[in-house]
C-alpha atoms as a PDB file:
ATOM      1  CA  UNK A   1      -6.018  13.389  17.133  1.00  0.00           C
ATOM      2  CA  UNK A   2      -7.844  10.783  19.349  1.00  0.00           C
ATOM      3  CA  UNK A   3      -7.130   7.129  20.160  1.00  0.00           C
ATOM      4  CA  UNK A   4      -9.325   5.046  17.906  1.00  0.00           C
ATOM      5  CA  UNK A   5      -9.754   2.450  20.714  1.00  0.00           C
ATOM      6  CA  UNK A   6     -10.569   4.653  23.762  1.00  0.00           C
ATOM      7  CA  UNK A   7     -10.879   8.194  22.540  1.00  0.00           C
ATOM      8  CA  UNK A   8      -8.094   9.543  24.621  1.00  0.00           C
ATOM      9  CA  UNK A   9      -6.298  12.627  23.266  1.00  0.00           C
ATOM     10  CA  UNK A  10      -2.967  12.102  25.086  1.00  0.00           C
ATOM     11  CA  UNK A  11      -0.938  10.272  22.341  1.00  0.00           C
ATOM     12  CA  UNK A  12       2.758   9.671  21.947  1.00  0.00           C
ATOM     13  CA  UNK A  13       4.512   9.409  18.568  1.00  0.00           C
ATOM     14  CA  UNK A  14       6.812   6.329  18.704  1.00  0.00           C
ATOM     15  CA  UNK A  15       8.146   6.348  15.106  1.00  0.00           C
ATOM     16  CA  UNK A  16       7.911   8.760  12.102  1.00  0.00           C
ATOM     17  CA  UNK A  17       9.096   8.057   8.541  1.00  0.00           C
ATOM     18  CA  UNK A  18       8.363   9.333   5.024  1.00  0.00           C
ATOM     19  CA  UNK A  19       6.236   7.193   2.781  1.00  0.00           C
ATOM     20  CA  UNK A  20       7.705   6.161  -0.671  1.00  0.00           C
ATOM     21  CA  UNK A  21       5.923   8.987  -2.532  1.00  0.00           C
ATOM     22  CA  UNK A  22       7.624  11.469  -0.159  1.00  0.00           C
ATOM     23  CA  UNK A  23       4.355  13.491  -0.075  1.00  0.00           C
ATOM     24  CA  UNK A  24       3.240  11.853   3.220  1.00  0.00           C
ATOM     25  CA  UNK A  25       4.494  10.781   6.549  1.00  0.00           C
ATOM     26  CA  UNK A  26       3.727   7.522   8.356  1.00  0.00           C
ATOM     27  CA  UNK A  27       3.582   7.766  12.213  1.00  0.00           C
ATOM     28  CA  UNK A  28       3.223   5.078  14.724  1.00  0.00           C
ATOM     29  CA  UNK A  29       1.450   6.350  17.753  1.00  0.00           C
ATOM     30  CA  UNK A  30       0.679   4.991  21.181  1.00  0.00           C
ATOM     31  CA  UNK A  31      -2.219   5.926  23.538  1.00  0.00           C
ATOM     32  CA  UNK A  32      -1.020   7.090  26.964  1.00  0.00           C
ATOM     33  CA  UNK A  33      -4.330   5.709  28.413  1.00  0.00           C
ATOM     34  CA  UNK A  34      -4.909   2.333  27.029  1.00  0.00           C
ATOM     35  CA  UNK A  35      -1.426   1.648  25.614  1.00  0.00           C
ATOM     36  CA  UNK A  36      -2.639   0.509  22.198  1.00  0.00           C
ATOM     37  CA  UNK A  37      -0.683   1.400  19.081  1.00  0.00           C
ATOM     38  CA  UNK A  38      -1.908   2.547  15.647  1.00  0.00           C
ATOM     39  CA  UNK A  39      -0.602   4.086  12.499  1.00  0.00           C
ATOM     40  CA  UNK A  40      -1.569   7.453  11.014  1.00  0.00           C
ATOM     41  CA  UNK A  41      -0.577   9.081   7.697  1.00  0.00           C
ATOM     42  CA  UNK A  42      -0.083  12.757   7.223  1.00  0.00           C
ATOM     43  CA  UNK A  43      -0.244  14.315   3.717  1.00  0.00           C
ATOM     44  CA  UNK A  44       0.300  17.876   2.701  1.00  0.00           C
ATOM     45  CA  UNK A  45      -3.059  19.361   1.907  1.00  0.00           C
ATOM     46  CA  UNK A  46      -2.761  20.852  -1.536  1.00  0.00           C
ATOM     47  CA  UNK A  47      -4.788  23.809  -2.702  1.00  0.00           C
ATOM     48  CA  UNK A  48      -8.088  22.781  -4.335  1.00  0.00           C
ATOM     49  CA  UNK A  49      -8.050  22.617  -8.119  1.00  0.00           C
ATOM     50  CA  UNK A  50     -11.139  23.159 -10.296  1.00  0.00           C
ATOM     51  CA  UNK A  51     -11.514  21.176 -13.459  1.00  0.00           C
ATOM     52  CA  UNK A  52     -13.177  22.836 -16.371  1.00  0.00           C
ATOM     53  CA  UNK A  53     -15.076  20.156 -18.286  1.00  0.00           C
ATOM     54  CA  UNK A  54     -15.719  20.068 -22.105  1.00  0.00           C
ATOM     55  CA  UNK A  55     -19.156  21.535 -21.565  1.00  0.00           C
ATOM     56  CA  UNK A  56     -17.564  24.418 -19.527  1.00  0.00           C
ATOM     57  CA  UNK A  57     -19.061  23.187 -16.159  1.00  0.00           C
ATOM     58  CA  UNK A  58     -16.667  23.216 -13.271  1.00  0.00           C
ATOM     59  CA  UNK A  59     -16.060  20.663 -10.568  1.00  0.00           C
ATOM     60  CA  UNK A  60     -13.341  19.972  -8.030  1.00  0.00           C
ATOM     61  CA  UNK A  61     -10.519  17.800  -8.995  1.00  0.00           C
ATOM     62  CA  UNK A  62     -10.944  14.266  -7.938  1.00  0.00           C
ATOM     63  CA  UNK A  63      -7.967  11.847  -7.960  1.00  0.00           C
ATOM     64  CA  UNK A  64     -10.276   8.734  -7.886  1.00  0.00           C
ATOM     65  CA  UNK A  65     -11.576   9.627 -11.406  1.00  0.00           C
ATOM     66  CA  UNK A  66      -8.147   9.399 -12.878  1.00  0.00           C
ATOM     67  CA  UNK A  67      -7.421   6.184 -11.036  1.00  0.00           C
ATOM     68  CA  UNK A  68     -10.691   4.674 -12.057  1.00  0.00           C
ATOM     69  CA  UNK A  69     -10.031   5.494 -15.773  1.00  0.00           C
ATOM     70  CA  UNK A  70      -6.598   3.922 -15.620  1.00  0.00           C
ATOM     71  CA  UNK A  71      -7.910   0.819 -13.925  1.00  0.00           C
ATOM     72  CA  UNK A  72     -10.498   0.347 -16.573  1.00  0.00           C
ATOM     73  CA  UNK A  73      -7.898   0.901 -19.365  1.00  0.00           C
ATOM     74  CA  UNK A  74      -5.563  -1.668 -17.815  1.00  0.00           C
ATOM     75  CA  UNK A  75      -8.283  -4.307 -17.215  1.00  0.00           C
ATOM     76  CA  UNK A  76      -6.861  -7.861 -17.919  1.00  0.00           C
ATOM     77  CA  UNK A  77      -3.389  -6.346 -18.798  1.00  0.00           C
ATOM     78  CA  UNK A  78      -0.127  -7.208 -17.064  1.00  0.00           C
ATOM     79  CA  UNK A  79      -0.174  -3.926 -15.032  1.00  0.00           C
ATOM     80  CA  UNK A  80      -0.106  -4.163 -11.284  1.00  0.00           C
ATOM     81  CA  UNK A  81      -2.049  -1.968  -8.789  1.00  0.00           C
ATOM     82  CA  UNK A  82       1.264  -0.571  -7.580  1.00  0.00           C
ATOM     83  CA  UNK A  83       2.202   0.456 -11.082  1.00  0.00           C
ATOM     84  CA  UNK A  84      -1.287   2.190 -11.424  1.00  0.00           C
ATOM     85  CA  UNK A  85      -0.936   3.886  -8.085  1.00  0.00           C
ATOM     86  CA  UNK A  86       2.613   5.130  -8.978  1.00  0.00           C
ATOM     87  CA  UNK A  87       1.295   6.428 -12.363  1.00  0.00           C
ATOM     88  CA  UNK A  88      -1.594   8.219 -10.704  1.00  0.00           C
ATOM     89  CA  UNK A  89       0.843   9.760  -8.144  1.00  0.00           C
ATOM     90  CA  UNK A  90       3.041  10.979 -11.031  1.00  0.00           C
ATOM     91  CA  UNK A  91       0.006  12.396 -12.973  1.00  0.00           C
ATOM     92  CA  UNK A  92      -1.200  14.099  -9.839  1.00  0.00           C
ATOM     93  CA  UNK A  93       2.218  15.553  -9.178  1.00  0.00           C
ATOM     94  CA  UNK A  94       2.400  16.959 -12.650  1.00  0.00           C
ATOM     95  CA  UNK A  95      -1.046  18.459 -12.406  1.00  0.00           C
ATOM     96  CA  UNK A  96      -0.239  20.172  -9.187  1.00  0.00           C
ATOM     97  CA  UNK A  97       3.326  21.299 -10.444  1.00  0.00           C
ATOM     98  CA  UNK A  98       1.522  23.294 -13.177  1.00  0.00           C
ATOM     99  CA  UNK A  99       0.455  25.668 -10.354  1.00  0.00           C
ATOM    100  CA  UNK A 100      -2.966  26.445 -11.793  1.00  0.00           C
ATOM    101  CA  UNK A 101      -6.061  26.713  -9.661  1.00  0.00           C
ATOM    102  CA  UNK A 102      -8.263  25.892 -12.696  1.00  0.00           C
ATOM    103  CA  UNK A 103      -7.287  23.342 -15.314  1.00  0.00           C
ATOM    104  CA  UNK A 104      -9.083  22.032 -18.524  1.00  0.00           C
ATOM    105  CA  UNK A 105     -10.115  18.425 -18.341  1.00  0.00           C
ATOM    106  CA  UNK A 106      -8.352  18.164 -21.804  1.00  0.00           C
ATOM    107  CA  UNK A 107      -5.018  19.046 -20.138  1.00  0.00           C
ATOM    108  CA  UNK A 108      -5.566  16.387 -17.562  1.00  0.00           C
ATOM    109  CA  UNK A 109      -6.526  13.804 -20.331  1.00  0.00           C
ATOM    110  CA  UNK A 110      -3.403  14.493 -22.260  1.00  0.00           C
ATOM    111  CA  UNK A 111      -1.203  13.992 -19.143  1.00  0.00           C
ATOM    112  CA  UNK A 112      -2.965  10.697 -18.446  1.00  0.00           C
ATOM    113  CA  UNK A 113      -2.523   9.634 -22.072  1.00  0.00           C
ATOM    114  CA  UNK A 114       1.230  10.363 -21.964  1.00  0.00           C
ATOM    115  CA  UNK A 115       1.608   8.365 -18.774  1.00  0.00           C
ATOM    116  CA  UNK A 116      -0.507   5.425 -20.150  1.00  0.00           C
ATOM    117  CA  UNK A 117       1.657   5.360 -23.336  1.00  0.00           C
ATOM    118  CA  UNK A 118       4.687   4.676 -20.981  1.00  0.00           C
ATOM    119  CA  UNK A 119       2.776   2.175 -18.870  1.00  0.00           C
ATOM    120  CA  UNK A 120       1.115   0.017 -21.519  1.00  0.00           C
ATOM    121  CA  UNK A 121       0.289   0.646 -25.155  1.00  0.00           C
ATOM    122  CA  UNK A 122      -2.915  -1.381 -25.110  1.00  0.00           C
ATOM    123  CA  UNK A 123      -4.139   0.622 -22.121  1.00  0.00           C
ATOM    124  CA  UNK A 124      -3.261   3.874 -23.921  1.00  0.00           C
ATOM    125  CA  UNK A 125      -5.300   2.764 -26.939  1.00  0.00           C
ATOM    126  CA  UNK A 126      -8.274   1.774 -24.790  1.00  0.00           C
ATOM    127  CA  UNK A 127      -8.141   5.152 -22.906  1.00  0.00           C
ATOM    128  CA  UNK A 128      -7.759   7.136 -26.215  1.00  0.00           C
ATOM    129  CA  UNK A 129     -10.870   5.390 -27.706  1.00  0.00           C
ATOM    130  CA  UNK A 130     -13.014   6.897 -24.891  1.00  0.00           C
ATOM    131  CA  UNK A 131     -11.198  10.139 -24.305  1.00  0.00           C
ATOM    132  CA  UNK A 132     -10.786  11.163 -27.972  1.00  0.00           C
ATOM    133  CA  UNK A 133     -14.249   9.810 -28.792  1.00  0.00           C
ATOM    134  CA  UNK A 134     -13.283   7.928 -31.922  1.00  0.00           C
ATOM    135  CA  UNK A 135     -16.206   8.054 -34.344  1.00  0.00           C
ATOM    136  CA  UNK A 136     -15.118   5.313 -36.766  1.00  0.00           C
ATOM    137  CA  UNK A 137     -12.447   2.779 -37.519  1.00  0.00           C
ATOM    138  CA  UNK A 138     -10.343   5.197 -39.620  1.00  0.00           C
ATOM    139  CA  UNK A 139      -9.881   7.504 -36.578  1.00  0.00           C
ATOM    140  CA  UNK A 140      -8.900   4.492 -34.475  1.00  0.00           C
ATOM    141  CA  UNK A 141      -6.410   3.259 -37.208  1.00  0.00           C
ATOM    142  CA  UNK A 142      -4.869   6.703 -37.439  1.00  0.00           C
ATOM    143  CA  UNK A 143      -4.142   6.594 -33.684  1.00  0.00           C
ATOM    144  CA  UNK A 144      -2.625   3.167 -34.010  1.00  0.00           C
ATOM    145  CA  UNK A 145      -0.388   4.232 -36.956  1.00  0.00           C
ATOM    146  CA  UNK A 146       0.875   7.154 -34.869  1.00  0.00           C
ATOM    147  CA  UNK A 147       1.690   4.668 -32.026  1.00  0.00           C
ATOM    148  CA  UNK A 148       3.438   2.318 -34.392  1.00  0.00           C
ATOM    149  CA  UNK A 149       5.627   5.026 -35.885  1.00  0.00           C
ATOM    150  CA  UNK A 150       7.135   5.738 -32.481  1.00  0.00           C
END
């Protein structure tokens, strides 16, 4: 670790505390050379997960894709960014807790849909329209009827 101001490697940790999600630690550091302070965050580096797509291609898990999908689903709805970030954290936690090195995108999609159902029903339906690839109005209505029964 180097000071972002002067490049010195001699740093002192002034304060350390866990961040809300408990998966990372916030540290306040001070440079021994220039005396300036800055904050760093340390996060446990999880093992890489490979996502198996519908077409059987594989790609590395990317948290930002889940976040982007949820943000789009919640567009113009009364859902705050902190609620979205918390939901993504919970989804990611559930994915990693499965302990799988490879996971189907459909499994991730179902986890996301379960979380969206809790977060906002309209966002859930928006996401389901894309994820489940509704072909016609009847398919859409069937999904709405399932939601209304619960």
